[in-house]
Amino acid sequence: MPGYYLHPWTKGVFKRLIARKRSVRISWIDDYGAPWYVCRFRMKNGKWDEHQLGVFDSDNNWTMVKSRKKISRKAE
């Protein structure tokens, strides 16, 4: 988008999410109806780097995925 600025930190998080090749799970819906998700990456020093990102109406590159079905295990 012409004139749009994307902070390098945010761009890096998106690149890492894309490299994972899996969907993200929405963590909560805020008071304005925007869905938010949390992603964590392990850093080289072994600590976790956590990010909280929102999905807004102008984001048109998202798609809903089917829920994962839970596998129930019979008591042994």
C-alpha atoms as a PDB file:
ATOM      1  CA  MET A   1       0.000   0.000   0.000  1.00  0.00           C
ATOM      2  CA  PRO A   2       1.605   3.305  -1.014  1.00  0.00           C
ATOM      3  CA  GLY A   3       2.760   5.397   1.934  1.00  0.00           C
ATOM      4  CA  TYR A   4       2.080   2.645   4.482  1.00  0.00           C
ATOM      5  CA  TYR A   5       4.754   2.148   7.130  1.00  0.00           C
ATOM      6  CA  LEU A   6       5.298  -1.264   8.675  1.00  0.00           C
ATOM      7  CA  HIS A   7       7.632  -1.270  11.651  1.00  0.00           C
ATOM      8  CA  PRO A   8      10.632  -3.591  11.093  1.00  0.00           C
ATOM      9  CA  TRP A   9       9.855  -5.419  14.366  1.00  0.00           C
ATOM     10  CA  THR A  10       6.339  -6.240  13.168  1.00  0.00           C
ATOM     11  CA  LYS A  11       7.600  -7.256   9.737  1.00  0.00           C
ATOM     12  CA  GLY A  12      10.040  -9.673  11.399  1.00  0.00           C
ATOM     13  CA  VAL A  13       7.271 -11.261  13.466  1.00  0.00           C
ATOM     14  CA  PHE A  14       5.142 -11.773  10.339  1.00  0.00           C
ATOM     15  CA  LYS A  15       8.066 -13.363   8.496  1.00  0.00           C
ATOM     16  CA  ARG A  16       8.637 -15.786  11.376  1.00  0.00           C
ATOM     17  CA  LEU A  17       4.937 -16.678  11.498  1.00  0.00           C
ATOM     18  CA  ILE A  18       4.866 -17.360   7.758  1.00  0.00           C
ATOM     19  CA  ALA A  19       7.996 -19.530   8.046  1.00  0.00           C
ATOM     20  CA  ARG A  20       6.174 -21.728  10.598  1.00  0.00           C
ATOM     21  CA  LYS A  21       3.610 -22.676   7.941  1.00  0.00           C
ATOM     22  CA  ARG A  22       0.766 -23.179  10.408  1.00  0.00           C
ATOM     23  CA  SER A  23      -2.266 -21.269  11.515  1.00  0.00           C
ATOM     24  CA  VAL A  24      -2.517 -19.066  14.585  1.00  0.00           C
ATOM     25  CA  ARG A  25      -5.248 -19.366  17.182  1.00  0.00           C
ATOM     26  CA  ILE A  26      -7.242 -16.296  18.161  1.00  0.00           C
ATOM     27  CA  SER A  27      -6.686 -15.613  21.864  1.00  0.00           C
ATOM     28  CA  TRP A  28      -9.358 -12.998  22.498  1.00  0.00           C
ATOM     29  CA  ILE A  29     -11.713 -10.474  20.927  1.00  0.00           C
ATOM     30  CA  ASP A  30     -11.266  -6.918  22.169  1.00  0.00           C
ATOM     31  CA  ASP A  31     -13.999  -4.409  23.059  1.00  0.00           C
ATOM     32  CA  TYR A  32     -14.099  -3.185  19.445  1.00  0.00           C
ATOM     33  CA  GLY A  33     -14.571  -6.663  17.971  1.00  0.00           C
ATOM     34  CA  ALA A  34     -11.006  -7.089  16.690  1.00  0.00           C
ATOM     35  CA  PRO A  35      -9.515 -10.564  17.140  1.00  0.00           C
ATOM     36  CA  TRP A  36      -6.048 -10.798  18.722  1.00  0.00           C
ATOM     37  CA  TYR A  37      -3.554 -13.631  18.840  1.00  0.00           C
ATOM     38  CA  VAL A  38      -0.398 -14.367  20.790  1.00  0.00           C
ATOM     39  CA  CYS A  39       2.719 -15.901  19.277  1.00  0.00           C
ATOM     40  CA  ARG A  40       5.909 -16.922  21.013  1.00  0.00           C
ATOM     41  CA  PHE A  41       9.340 -17.631  19.615  1.00  0.00           C
ATOM     42  CA  ARG A  42      12.281 -19.154  21.446  1.00  0.00           C
ATOM     43  CA  MET A  43      15.303 -16.904  21.237  1.00  0.00           C
ATOM     44  CA  LYS A  44      18.900 -18.087  20.908  1.00  0.00           C
ATOM     45  CA  ASN A  45      19.483 -17.525  24.636  1.00  0.00           C
ATOM     46  CA  GLY A  46      16.637 -19.960  25.444  1.00  0.00           C
ATOM     47  CA  LYS A  47      14.180 -17.309  26.618  1.00  0.00           C
ATOM     48  CA  TRP A  48      10.763 -16.740  25.046  1.00  0.00           C
ATOM     49  CA  ASP A  49       9.910 -13.711  22.920  1.00  0.00           C
ATOM     50  CA  GLU A  50       6.140 -13.108  23.056  1.00  0.00           C
ATOM     51  CA  HIS A  51       4.095 -10.923  20.697  1.00  0.00           C
ATOM     52  CA  GLN A  52       0.420  -9.922  20.697  1.00  0.00           C
ATOM     53  CA  LEU A  53      -0.991  -8.933  17.326  1.00  0.00           C
ATOM     54  CA  GLY A  54      -4.458  -7.870  16.225  1.00  0.00           C
ATOM     55  CA  VAL A  55      -6.393  -8.654  13.068  1.00  0.00           C
ATOM     56  CA  PHE A  56      -8.244  -5.615  11.803  1.00  0.00           C
ATOM     57  CA  ASP A  57     -10.966  -5.019   9.215  1.00  0.00           C
ATOM     58  CA  SER A  58      -8.446  -3.660   6.709  1.00  0.00           C
ATOM     59  CA  ASP A  59      -6.449  -6.929   6.842  1.00  0.00           C
ATOM     60  CA  ASN A  60      -7.762  -8.874   3.858  1.00  0.00           C
ATOM     61  CA  ASN A  61      -5.149 -11.633   3.808  1.00  0.00           C
ATOM     62  CA  TRP A  62      -6.687 -13.813   6.532  1.00  0.00           C
ATOM     63  CA  THR A  63      -8.915 -16.836   6.222  1.00  0.00           C
ATOM     64  CA  MET A  64     -10.739 -18.919   8.790  1.00  0.00           C
ATOM     65  CA  VAL A  65      -9.649 -22.507   9.234  1.00  0.00           C
ATOM     66  CA  LYS A  66     -11.583 -25.482  10.534  1.00  0.00           C
ATOM     67  CA  SER A  67     -11.243 -26.208  14.224  1.00  0.00           C
ATOM     68  CA  ARG A  68      -9.003 -29.065  15.157  1.00  0.00           C
ATOM     69  CA  LYS A  69     -10.911 -32.016  16.482  1.00  0.00           C
ATOM     70  CA  LYS A  70      -9.851 -33.240  19.870  1.00  0.00           C
ATOM     71  CA  ILE A  71      -8.782 -36.849  20.057  1.00  0.00           C
ATOM     72  CA  SER A  72     -10.390 -38.569  22.975  1.00  0.00           C
ATOM     73  CA  ARG A  73      -8.524 -41.428  24.586  1.00  0.00           C
ATOM     74  CA  LYS A  74     -10.348 -44.272  26.185  1.00  0.00           C
ATOM     75  CA  ALA A  75      -9.460 -44.974  29.798  1.00  0.00           C
ATOM     76  CA  GLU A  76      -7.110 -47.906  29.973  1.00  0.00           C
END
